[in-house]
Protein backbone atom coordinates (compact mmCIF):
# COMPACT_ATOMS: atom_id res chain seq x y z
CA UNK A 1 -50.93 -10.02 -24.08
CA UNK A 2 -51.14 -11.57 -20.65
CA UNK A 3 -48.60 -11.44 -17.87
CA UNK A 4 -49.06 -15.18 -17.20
CA UNK A 5 -49.17 -18.22 -19.51
CA UNK A 6 -52.88 -18.90 -18.97
CA UNK A 7 -53.83 -19.73 -22.55
CA UNK A 8 -53.54 -23.45 -23.23
CA UNK A 9 -53.39 -25.06 -26.67
CA UNK A 10 -53.97 -28.81 -26.96
CA UNK A 11 -53.07 -30.75 -30.09
CA UNK A 12 -53.56 -34.51 -30.13
CA UNK A 13 -50.58 -36.40 -31.57
CA UNK A 14 -51.08 -37.89 -35.07
CA UNK A 15 -54.73 -38.16 -34.02
CA UNK A 16 -56.30 -40.46 -36.64
CA UNK A 17 -53.26 -42.68 -36.98
CA UNK A 18 -52.75 -42.92 -33.20
CA UNK A 19 -56.42 -43.86 -32.72
CA UNK A 20 -56.03 -46.60 -35.29
CA UNK A 21 -52.87 -47.92 -33.59
CA UNK A 22 -54.62 -47.90 -30.23
CA UNK A 23 -57.55 -49.83 -31.72
CA UNK A 24 -55.41 -52.33 -33.62
CA UNK A 25 -52.62 -53.98 -31.54
CA UNK A 26 -50.96 -55.44 -34.61
CA UNK A 27 -50.23 -51.89 -35.90
CA UNK A 28 -48.59 -50.45 -32.82
CA UNK A 29 -45.08 -49.22 -33.53
CA UNK A 30 -45.61 -49.60 -37.31
CA UNK A 31 -46.20 -47.04 -40.03
CA UNK A 32 -49.90 -46.23 -40.38
CA UNK A 33 -51.43 -43.85 -42.92
CA UNK A 34 -55.08 -42.74 -42.76
CA UNK A 35 -56.82 -41.08 -45.69
CA UNK A 36 -58.14 -41.81 -49.13
CA UNK A 37 -56.87 -45.20 -50.28
CA UNK A 38 -57.72 -44.88 -53.98
CA UNK A 39 -55.34 -43.72 -56.69
CA UNK A 40 -56.56 -40.15 -56.17
CA UNK A 41 -56.67 -40.30 -52.39
CA UNK A 42 -54.88 -37.87 -50.09
CA UNK A 43 -53.13 -38.56 -46.77
CA UNK A 44 -55.11 -37.21 -43.82
CA UNK A 45 -52.72 -38.28 -41.07
CA UNK A 46 -49.49 -40.30 -40.94
CA UNK A 47 -48.17 -41.93 -37.78
CA UNK A 48 -44.75 -40.84 -36.56
CA UNK A 49 -43.32 -44.14 -37.76
CA UNK A 50 -44.54 -43.27 -41.28
CA UNK A 51 -43.11 -39.74 -41.18
CA UNK A 52 -39.61 -41.21 -41.14
CA UNK A 53 -40.17 -41.99 -44.81
CA UNK A 54 -41.09 -38.38 -45.65
CA UNK A 55 -44.85 -38.90 -45.61
CA UNK A 56 -46.92 -35.90 -44.55
CA UNK A 57 -50.52 -34.76 -44.50
CA UNK A 58 -52.13 -33.64 -47.80
CA UNK A 59 -49.62 -35.77 -49.77
CA UNK A 60 -51.20 -37.86 -52.55
CA UNK A 61 -51.65 -41.42 -51.34
CA UNK A 62 -50.02 -42.73 -54.52
CA UNK A 63 -46.84 -40.84 -53.63
CA UNK A 64 -46.99 -42.12 -50.06
CA UNK A 65 -47.26 -45.70 -51.30
CA UNK A 66 -44.06 -45.20 -53.31
CA UNK A 67 -42.24 -43.83 -50.27
CA UNK A 68 -43.53 -46.45 -47.84
CA UNK A 69 -45.13 -49.40 -49.63
CA UNK A 70 -45.27 -51.56 -46.48
CA UNK A 71 -47.30 -49.18 -44.36
CA UNK A 72 -50.89 -49.89 -43.33
CA UNK A 73 -53.19 -47.72 -45.46
CA UNK A 74 -56.54 -47.31 -43.76
CA UNK A 75 -59.81 -45.57 -44.52
CA UNK A 76 -60.87 -42.96 -41.91
CA UNK A 77 -63.37 -43.98 -39.21
CA UNK A 78 -64.88 -40.65 -38.29
CA UNK A 79 -67.35 -42.23 -35.87
CA UNK A 80 -64.48 -43.33 -33.66
CA UNK A 81 -62.60 -40.05 -33.97
CA UNK A 82 -65.70 -38.06 -32.98
CA UNK A 83 -66.24 -40.26 -29.93
CA UNK A 84 -62.67 -39.72 -28.77
CA UNK A 85 -62.92 -35.98 -29.54
CA UNK A 86 -66.05 -35.65 -27.40
CA UNK A 87 -64.23 -37.23 -24.51
CA UNK A 88 -61.27 -34.87 -24.90
CA UNK A 89 -63.49 -31.79 -25.19
CA UNK A 90 -65.34 -32.76 -22.01
CA UNK A 91 -61.98 -32.75 -20.16
CA UNK A 92 -61.20 -29.32 -21.58
CA UNK A 93 -64.58 -27.90 -20.56
CA UNK A 94 -63.90 -29.16 -17.03
CA UNK A 95 -60.96 -26.73 -16.95
CA UNK A 96 -62.73 -23.64 -18.24
CA UNK A 97 -66.00 -22.44 -19.77
CA UNK A 98 -63.97 -20.81 -22.56
CA UNK A 99 -62.91 -23.60 -24.95
CA UNK A 100 -62.37 -22.81 -28.62
CA UNK A 101 -62.30 -26.03 -30.70
CA UNK A 102 -60.36 -25.72 -33.97
CA UNK A 103 -60.97 -29.29 -35.16
CA UNK A 104 -61.70 -32.75 -33.71
CA UNK A 105 -58.24 -32.89 -32.12
CA UNK A 106 -57.20 -29.32 -31.44
CA UNK A 107 -58.49 -26.51 -29.15
CA UNK A 108 -57.59 -23.42 -27.18
CA UNK A 109 -58.55 -23.09 -23.48
CA UNK A 110 -58.63 -19.91 -21.40
CA UNK A 111 -57.46 -21.15 -18.01
CA UNK A 112 -57.88 -17.71 -16.44
CA UNK A 113 -61.63 -17.91 -17.17
CA UNK A 114 -61.65 -21.24 -15.33
CA UNK A 115 -60.25 -19.74 -12.17
CA UNK A 116 -56.70 -21.10 -12.50
CA UNK A 117 -54.18 -19.00 -10.64
CA UNK A 118 -52.01 -16.95 -13.06
CA UNK A 119 -48.73 -18.59 -11.99
CA UNK A 120 -46.42 -20.57 -14.21
CA UNK A 121 -46.11 -23.49 -11.78
CA UNK A 122 -49.90 -23.73 -11.40
CA UNK A 123 -50.71 -23.68 -15.09
CA UNK A 124 -47.94 -26.21 -15.79
CA UNK A 125 -49.50 -28.54 -13.24
CA UNK A 126 -52.90 -28.13 -14.92
CA UNK A 127 -51.38 -28.95 -18.28
CA UNK A 128 -49.64 -32.07 -16.97
CA UNK A 129 -52.83 -33.23 -15.27
CA UNK A 130 -54.75 -32.71 -18.51
CA UNK A 131 -52.27 -34.85 -20.42
CA UNK A 132 -52.62 -37.65 -17.85
CA UNK A 133 -56.41 -37.44 -17.91
CA UNK A 134 -56.48 -37.67 -21.71
CA UNK A 135 -54.20 -40.68 -21.59
CA UNK A 136 -56.37 -42.46 -19.03
CA UNK A 137 -59.68 -41.62 -20.78
CA UNK A 138 -58.68 -42.32 -24.39
CA UNK A 139 -55.40 -44.23 -24.43
CA UNK A 140 -53.97 -41.53 -26.68
CA UNK A 141 -51.45 -38.72 -26.17
CA UNK A 142 -51.70 -35.00 -26.69
CA UNK A 143 -49.20 -32.14 -26.69
CA UNK A 144 -49.85 -28.99 -24.66
CA UNK A 145 -48.58 -25.45 -25.11
CA UNK A 146 -49.04 -22.71 -22.51
CA UNK A 147 -48.41 -19.00 -23.11
CA UNK A 148 -49.87 -15.55 -22.69
CA UNK A 149 -51.29 -15.45 -26.25
CA UNK A 150 -52.92 -17.88 -28.68
CA UNK A 151 -50.15 -17.55 -31.26
CA UNK A 152 -47.49 -18.47 -28.75
CA UNK A 153 -49.51 -21.27 -27.17
CA UNK A 154 -49.88 -22.95 -30.56
CA UNK A 155 -46.18 -22.59 -31.32
CA UNK A 156 -45.44 -24.08 -27.89
CA UNK A 157 -47.62 -27.14 -28.53
CA UNK A 158 -45.87 -27.71 -31.83
CA UNK A 159 -42.51 -27.56 -30.03
CA UNK A 160 -43.85 -30.07 -27.46
CA UNK A 161 -44.78 -32.74 -30.04
CA UNK A 162 -45.22 -35.55 -29.51
CA UNK A 163 -46.56 -36.17 -26.01
CA UNK A 164 -44.97 -33.18 -24.35
CA UNK A 165 -45.65 -29.85 -22.66
CA UNK A 166 -43.96 -26.46 -23.26
CA UNK A 167 -44.56 -23.28 -21.28
CA UNK A 168 -43.50 -19.92 -22.76
CA UNK A 169 -42.92 -17.48 -19.93
CA UNK A 170 -44.05 -13.92 -20.65
CA UNK A 171 -41.00 -11.83 -21.55
CA UNK A 172 -39.20 -14.66 -23.33
CA UNK A 173 -41.31 -14.54 -26.52
CA UNK A 174 -38.82 -12.80 -28.83
CA UNK A 175 -35.92 -14.91 -27.64
CA UNK A 176 -37.89 -18.06 -28.47
CA UNK A 177 -39.35 -16.88 -31.77
CA UNK A 178 -36.22 -15.18 -33.17
CA UNK A 179 -34.44 -18.14 -34.77
CA UNK A 180 -37.62 -19.78 -36.08
CA UNK A 181 -38.34 -19.63 -39.86
CA UNK A 182 -40.87 -17.05 -40.88
CA UNK A 183 -43.20 -19.80 -42.14
CA UNK A 184 -43.83 -20.64 -38.48
CA UNK A 185 -46.12 -17.62 -38.23
CA UNK A 186 -49.78 -18.14 -39.18
CA UNK A 187 -50.77 -16.53 -42.42
CA UNK A 188 -47.30 -16.86 -43.96
CA UNK A 189 -47.73 -19.11 -46.95
CA UNK A 190 -45.45 -19.83 -49.87
CA UNK A 191 -46.18 -16.55 -51.65
CA UNK A 192 -45.56 -14.38 -48.57
CA UNK A 193 -42.46 -16.37 -47.67
CA UNK A 194 -41.07 -15.87 -51.18
CA UNK A 195 -41.74 -12.13 -51.07
CA UNK A 196 -39.87 -11.94 -47.75
CA UNK A 197 -37.03 -14.15 -49.05
CA UNK A 198 -36.41 -11.81 -51.96
CA UNK A 199 -36.05 -9.02 -49.39
CA UNK A 200 -33.53 -11.07 -47.45
CA UNK A 201 -35.94 -11.96 -44.63
CA UNK A 202 -35.86 -15.63 -43.56
CA UNK A 203 -36.40 -15.79 -39.76
CA UNK A 204 -38.88 -14.23 -37.37
CA UNK A 205 -36.10 -12.14 -35.85
CA UNK A 206 -35.24 -10.70 -39.29
CA UNK A 207 -38.93 -10.01 -39.78
CA UNK A 208 -39.11 -7.99 -36.57
CA UNK A 209 -35.87 -6.17 -37.43
CA UNK A 210 -37.24 -5.17 -40.88
CA UNK A 211 -39.79 -2.95 -39.14
CA UNK A 212 -43.46 -2.36 -39.74
CA UNK A 213 -42.98 0.20 -42.54
CA UNK A 214 -40.87 -2.18 -44.62
CA UNK A 215 -43.32 -5.07 -44.13
CA UNK A 216 -46.22 -2.87 -45.10
CA UNK A 217 -44.36 -1.85 -48.26
CA UNK A 218 -43.70 -5.50 -49.12
CA UNK A 219 -47.01 -7.07 -48.16
CA UNK A 220 -49.59 -4.33 -47.88
CA UNK A 221 -50.97 -2.47 -44.89
CA UNK A 222 -53.13 -5.14 -43.24
CA UNK A 223 -50.87 -8.16 -43.81
CA UNK A 224 -47.64 -6.28 -43.14
CA UNK A 225 -48.82 -4.70 -39.86
CA UNK A 226 -50.25 -8.00 -38.65
CA UNK A 227 -47.09 -9.89 -39.47
CA UNK A 228 -44.94 -7.36 -37.63
CA UNK A 229 -47.07 -7.68 -34.50
CA UNK A 230 -46.76 -11.48 -34.59
CA UNK A 231 -43.01 -11.29 -35.13
CA UNK A 232 -42.82 -9.36 -31.84
CA UNK A 233 -44.95 -12.03 -30.17
CA UNK A 234 -48.01 -9.77 -29.91
CA UNK A 235 -51.39 -11.42 -30.22
CA UNK A 236 -54.43 -10.09 -28.37
CA UNK A 237 -57.00 -12.47 -29.90
CA UNK A 238 -59.32 -13.83 -27.16
CA UNK A 239 -60.36 -17.45 -26.78
CA UNK A 240 -63.82 -17.61 -28.29
CA UNK A 241 -66.14 -20.37 -27.12
CA UNK A 242 -68.42 -20.30 -30.17
CA UNK A 243 -67.06 -19.94 -33.69
CA UNK A 244 -69.77 -19.19 -36.22
CA UNK A 245 -69.47 -21.26 -39.37
CA UNK A 246 -69.69 -19.28 -42.62
CA UNK A 247 -70.65 -22.21 -44.84
CA UNK A 248 -71.24 -25.97 -44.90
CA UNK A 249 -70.02 -28.06 -47.80
CA UNK A 250 -69.18 -31.59 -48.93
CA UNK A 251 -67.17 -32.89 -51.86
CA UNK A 252 -65.95 -36.11 -53.41
CA UNK A 253 -63.03 -37.00 -55.63
CA UNK A 254 -63.62 -39.84 -58.09
CA UNK A 255 -61.13 -42.58 -58.90
CA UNK A 256 -62.13 -42.37 -62.62
CA UNK A 257 -63.15 -39.18 -64.37
CA UNK A 258 -66.92 -38.86 -64.80
CA UNK A 259 -67.94 -38.22 -68.40
CA UNK A 260 -71.58 -39.33 -68.29
CA UNK A 261 -73.72 -36.25 -67.74
CA UNK A 262 -76.42 -38.31 -66.04
CA UNK A 263 -73.88 -39.72 -63.58
CA UNK A 264 -72.52 -36.21 -62.84
CA UNK A 265 -76.03 -34.98 -62.08
CA UNK A 266 -76.77 -38.00 -59.83
CA UNK A 267 -73.54 -37.43 -57.88
CA UNK A 268 -74.33 -33.75 -57.38
CA UNK A 269 -77.83 -34.68 -56.12
CA UNK A 270 -76.29 -37.11 -53.67
CA UNK A 271 -73.86 -34.48 -52.45
CA UNK A 272 -76.70 -31.98 -52.11
CA UNK A 273 -78.55 -34.37 -49.82
CA UNK A 274 -75.41 -34.96 -47.72
CA UNK A 275 -74.88 -31.19 -47.46
CA UNK A 276 -78.46 -30.60 -46.32
CA UNK A 277 -78.12 -33.39 -43.77
CA UNK A 278 -75.06 -31.65 -42.27
CA UNK A 279 -76.89 -28.34 -42.46
CA UNK A 280 -79.81 -29.71 -40.43
CA UNK A 281 -77.49 -31.42 -37.93
CA UNK A 282 -75.99 -28.00 -37.25
CA UNK A 283 -79.45 -26.49 -36.82
CA UNK A 284 -78.79 -24.02 -39.66
CA UNK A 285 -80.24 -22.97 -42.98
CA UNK A 286 -78.61 -21.24 -45.94
CA UNK A 287 -79.44 -18.84 -48.71
CA UNK A 288 -76.71 -19.39 -51.30
CA UNK A 289 -76.14 -22.78 -52.99
CA UNK A 290 -72.71 -23.42 -54.58
CA UNK A 291 -71.40 -26.22 -56.72
CA UNK A 292 -67.73 -26.94 -57.30
CA UNK A 293 -66.47 -28.80 -60.39
CA UNK A 294 -62.85 -29.84 -60.91
CA UNK A 295 -62.15 -31.00 -64.45
CA UNK A 296 -59.81 -33.69 -65.73
CA UNK A 297 -57.06 -31.07 -66.22
CA UNK A 298 -57.36 -29.82 -62.60
CA UNK A 299 -59.05 -26.59 -63.63
CA UNK A 300 -61.66 -25.76 -61.01
CA UNK A 301 -64.77 -23.64 -61.29
CA UNK A 302 -67.67 -22.72 -59.02
CA UNK A 303 -71.22 -21.64 -59.71
CA UNK A 304 -73.62 -20.20 -57.17
CA UNK A 305 -77.27 -19.19 -56.86
CA UNK A 306 -78.78 -17.07 -54.11
CA UNK A 307 -82.32 -18.06 -53.08
CA UNK A 308 -85.12 -15.78 -51.94
CA UNK A 309 -84.51 -16.78 -48.34
CA UNK A 310 -82.64 -19.28 -46.12
CA UNK A 311 -83.69 -22.90 -46.50
CA UNK A 312 -82.83 -26.38 -45.31
CA UNK A 313 -85.22 -28.08 -47.73
CA UNK A 314 -83.41 -30.82 -49.71
CA UNK A 315 -85.72 -30.39 -52.68
CA UNK A 316 -84.87 -26.71 -52.97
CA UNK A 317 -81.12 -27.39 -52.79
CA UNK A 318 -81.38 -30.25 -55.29
CA UNK A 319 -83.21 -28.05 -57.77
CA UNK A 320 -80.70 -25.24 -57.38
CA UNK A 321 -77.85 -27.69 -57.91
CA UNK A 322 -79.49 -28.99 -61.09
CA UNK A 323 -79.89 -25.45 -62.45
CA UNK A 324 -76.27 -24.63 -61.71
CA UNK A 325 -75.06 -27.74 -63.46
CA UNK A 326 -76.73 -26.61 -66.66
CA UNK A 327 -74.20 -23.76 -66.80
CA UNK A 328 -71.16 -26.08 -66.68
CA UNK A 329 -69.56 -28.07 -69.47
CA UNK A 330 -68.52 -31.50 -68.22
CA UNK A 331 -67.82 -33.24 -71.49
CA UNK A 332 -64.06 -33.40 -70.87
CA UNK A 333 -64.41 -35.39 -67.67
CA UNK A 334 -64.87 -34.46 -64.01
CA UNK A 335 -62.53 -35.62 -61.21
CA UNK A 336 -64.13 -33.77 -58.26
CA UNK A 337 -67.58 -32.47 -57.38
CA UNK A 338 -68.71 -30.46 -54.39
CA UNK A 339 -71.88 -28.84 -53.06
CA UNK A 340 -71.99 -26.11 -50.42
CA UNK A 341 -74.44 -23.77 -48.73
CA UNK A 342 -73.43 -20.35 -47.43
CA UNK A 343 -75.23 -17.29 -46.09
CA UNK A 344 -76.13 -19.34 -43.00
CA UNK A 345 -78.98 -18.44 -40.68
CA UNK A 346 -80.68 -19.97 -37.66
CA UNK A 347 -84.11 -19.99 -39.27
CA UNK A 348 -85.74 -21.04 -42.54
CA UNK A 349 -87.99 -19.06 -44.82
CA UNK A 350 -90.52 -21.56 -46.05
CA UNK A 351 -90.81 -21.87 -49.81
CA UNK A 352 -94.42 -22.93 -50.36
CA UNK A 353 -93.78 -24.11 -53.91
CA UNK A 354 -90.84 -26.28 -52.80
CA UNK A 355 -92.88 -27.60 -49.88
CA UNK A 356 -95.72 -28.51 -52.22
CA UNK A 357 -93.29 -30.29 -54.61
CA UNK A 358 -91.77 -32.22 -51.70
CA UNK A 359 -95.20 -33.33 -50.45
CA UNK A 360 -96.24 -34.33 -53.98
CA UNK A 361 -93.02 -36.32 -54.42
CA UNK A 362 -93.68 -38.13 -51.13
CA UNK A 363 -97.28 -38.94 -52.15
CA UNK A 364 -96.11 -40.33 -55.52
CA UNK A 365 -93.48 -42.46 -53.80
CA UNK A 366 -96.09 -43.88 -51.41
CA UNK A 367 -98.48 -44.55 -54.30
CA UNK A 368 -95.78 -46.44 -56.24
CA UNK A 369 -95.00 -48.52 -53.18
CA UNK A 370 -98.66 -49.41 -52.67
CA UNK A 371 -99.43 -50.15 -56.38
CA UNK A 372 -98.41 -53.86 -56.43
CA UNK A 373 -100.60 -54.62 -53.39
CA UNK A 374 -103.62 -52.88 -54.91
CA UNK A 375 -103.24 -54.85 -58.10
CA UNK A 376 -103.18 -58.15 -56.25
CA UNK A 377 -99.69 -59.00 -57.45
CA UNK A 378 -98.15 -59.31 -54.00
CA UNK A 379 -95.01 -57.61 -52.71
CA UNK A 380 -92.45 -56.47 -55.28
CA UNK A 381 -89.34 -58.52 -55.79
CA UNK A 382 -86.53 -57.23 -53.57
CA UNK A 383 -83.73 -55.54 -55.45
CA UNK A 384 -80.54 -57.54 -55.74
CA UNK A 385 -78.16 -56.44 -52.94
CA UNK A 386 -75.18 -54.53 -54.20
CA UNK A 387 -71.80 -56.12 -53.48
CA UNK A 388 -70.26 -55.00 -50.19
CA UNK A 389 -67.18 -52.82 -50.29
CA UNK A 390 -64.83 -53.72 -47.51
CA UNK A 391 -62.52 -50.73 -47.02
CA UNK A 392 -59.21 -51.35 -45.18
CA UNK A 393 -59.39 -50.51 -41.51
CA UNK A 394 -63.16 -50.67 -41.09
CA UNK A 395 -64.80 -52.61 -38.28
CA UNK A 396 -66.48 -55.97 -38.92
CA UNK A 397 -68.15 -58.73 -36.95
CA UNK A 398 -68.11 -62.42 -37.82
CA UNK A 399 -70.68 -64.81 -36.37
CA UNK A 400 -68.01 -67.33 -35.40
CA UNK A 401 -64.79 -65.31 -34.86
CA UNK A 402 -66.21 -62.13 -33.32
CA UNK A 403 -64.96 -58.56 -33.89
CA UNK A 404 -62.09 -57.52 -36.11
CA UNK A 405 -61.08 -55.14 -38.87
CA UNK A 406 -60.59 -55.33 -42.60
CA UNK A 407 -56.97 -55.73 -43.57
CA UNK A 408 -57.61 -55.83 -47.29
CA UNK A 409 -59.96 -57.02 -50.04
CA UNK A 410 -59.96 -57.84 -53.73
CA UNK A 411 -60.78 -60.54 -56.31
CA UNK A 412 -63.91 -61.49 -54.43
CA UNK A 413 -62.15 -62.03 -51.10
CA UNK A 414 -61.79 -59.99 -47.89
CA UNK A 415 -59.04 -60.46 -45.31
CA UNK A 416 -59.89 -59.75 -41.67
CA UNK A 417 -57.68 -59.53 -38.62
CA UNK A 418 -59.54 -60.47 -35.45
CA UNK A 419 -58.30 -58.43 -32.53
CA UNK A 420 -59.56 -55.78 -30.08
CA UNK A 421 -57.86 -52.77 -28.47
CA UNK A 422 -57.24 -54.70 -25.27
CA UNK A 423 -56.08 -57.97 -26.88
CA UNK A 424 -52.82 -59.27 -28.27
CA UNK A 425 -52.27 -59.06 -32.05
CA UNK A 426 -54.92 -61.31 -33.59
CA UNK A 427 -55.27 -63.98 -36.26
CA UNK A 428 -55.86 -63.18 -39.92
CA UNK A 429 -58.61 -65.01 -41.84
CA UNK A 430 -59.95 -64.70 -45.36
CA UNK A 431 -63.60 -64.88 -46.48
CA UNK A 432 -65.69 -64.36 -49.57
CA UNK A 433 -66.83 -60.76 -49.87
CA UNK A 434 -70.46 -61.93 -49.72
CA UNK A 435 -69.99 -64.28 -46.74
CA UNK A 436 -73.34 -64.05 -44.86
CA UNK A 437 -71.58 -64.51 -41.53
CA UNK A 438 -69.53 -61.32 -42.02
CA UNK A 439 -71.10 -57.89 -41.50
CA UNK A 440 -70.02 -54.32 -40.76
CA UNK A 441 -69.41 -53.52 -37.10
CA UNK A 442 -69.13 -50.53 -34.76
CA UNK A 443 -65.92 -49.04 -33.35
CA UNK A 444 -64.90 -50.55 -30.02
CA UNK A 445 -63.86 -48.28 -27.13
CA UNK A 446 -60.12 -47.73 -26.97
CA UNK A 447 -59.97 -48.13 -23.18
CA UNK A 448 -62.19 -49.88 -20.66
CA UNK A 449 -64.02 -51.98 -23.25
CA UNK A 450 -63.15 -55.41 -21.81
CA UNK A 451 -63.92 -55.99 -18.13
CA UNK A 452 -60.75 -56.98 -16.31
CA UNK A 453 -58.66 -56.73 -19.46
CA UNK A 454 -55.12 -55.56 -19.09
CA UNK A 455 -54.94 -52.36 -21.04
CA UNK A 456 -51.38 -51.64 -22.04
CA UNK A 457 -49.94 -48.57 -20.40
CA UNK A 458 -47.75 -47.89 -23.38
CA UNK A 459 -48.86 -45.01 -25.64
CA UNK A 460 -49.73 -45.57 -29.25
CA UNK A 461 -46.67 -43.46 -30.19
CA UNK A 462 -43.22 -43.10 -28.69
CA UNK A 463 -42.26 -40.10 -26.58
CA UNK A 464 -40.29 -37.38 -28.28
CA UNK A 465 -36.96 -38.59 -27.03
CA UNK A 466 -37.53 -42.03 -28.55
CA UNK A 467 -39.67 -41.32 -31.58
CA UNK A 468 -37.83 -41.96 -34.84
CA UNK A 469 -40.10 -39.59 -36.80
CA UNK A 470 -40.12 -35.96 -37.61
CA UNK A 471 -41.45 -34.48 -34.44
CA UNK A 472 -42.04 -31.08 -35.97
CA UNK A 473 -44.39 -32.10 -38.79
CA UNK A 474 -47.91 -30.79 -38.47
CA UNK A 475 -50.86 -32.69 -39.92
CA UNK A 476 -52.91 -29.78 -40.96
CA UNK A 477 -55.25 -30.80 -43.47
CA UNK A 478 -61.13 -30.49 -42.57
CA UNK A 479 -61.34 -28.93 -41.94
CA UNK A 480 -59.69 -31.78 -42.46
CA UNK A 481 -57.84 -30.23 -40.14
CA UNK A 482 -56.89 -33.54 -39.38
CA UNK A 483 -53.93 -33.80 -37.33
């Protein structure tokens, strides 16, 4: 524990939803929900205007639609969110070399390591300047907590939401924590909270008063001792600049249960290739391949296979996934599939047999591509282009009307609103889904994209004193920790 509040926790406010409101002038001040839009989708982030209706992260989208049918339901645009996140992280690294990102929109910063004087007034000024810099660079708002420990800094940023700053002075921790519900403490889930409730413990103050011995008796030695320390405001965890990932995985939920075994296999192969792509992007390899299968009745099982050595070869992972699938019965229907790789390493152990198979597959593909030319039959007929899927919220460009975003689609038509982050709310036009003048676009910058344009100084969300929503709701989610 530090004698000065030099640990900073930044949490962007309703990050995905706020980014969408900043990008789409017609949605500012209105309920916006980002996540899976299908019948089995899940809410990733809800704007503060949507939280008034009881919508929260991880809620099924179908339930959210019943609570707030008139909200804008948008597909995530991770390319935009990553761009904004990179900008925010650069601002944090300018404060200190010790920055511990927790997700795209959340991080701890050790201000002491950055040479900031350990005085409450100084660190408060740094936090306020950071909030201004984020607003100017991204057009979005973030909440800042400052304290002498990571636990307290995170609690402070939650109390500051949205668009605020809270400093917890050393020595005031127990007074602040005391009346809070025990679920405020990290690691206290429904099961732990129920065990404490049965013992008559509801608040953090009551947790501290129970004593370490009683908590150990109720929860076990490790969990009980750790919870007692947190209830007293003790947390000596350092800010760690690099957090080593233990595994890399991807998964998909299907709108209709998969019953065709061939389709299940094809989807797992596709997921395996996505997983290897992420593995290579991270510069890692892995030794254990895992598949996850969730059945129609929500029962979930996993199967794993450990290879002879770490690999990032897609052929090796595909083959392992195929072998694992043979051990799973999918006849009842599958609603979710996932592929993961664990046992990560920074090197690969070449598998000569897999390498040979990959090279042979490449040669056969090249031979098939060259066959029509060798036979004098000319180039093969191009495959018929699959119909475009225009997901709500995604960027598009029209040859005549310029840039806009998909407001909705169906029955062979797609509705587009043509507006930019720096413009007034735009016109809505409808086109055929296969209109050759309409094509996917790239995210526009939220600020500074239009020379001389008047960027509104109003934030995408209202300040805490004016926001009608639940200011205490957290959008935990990938990792979505999407907030």
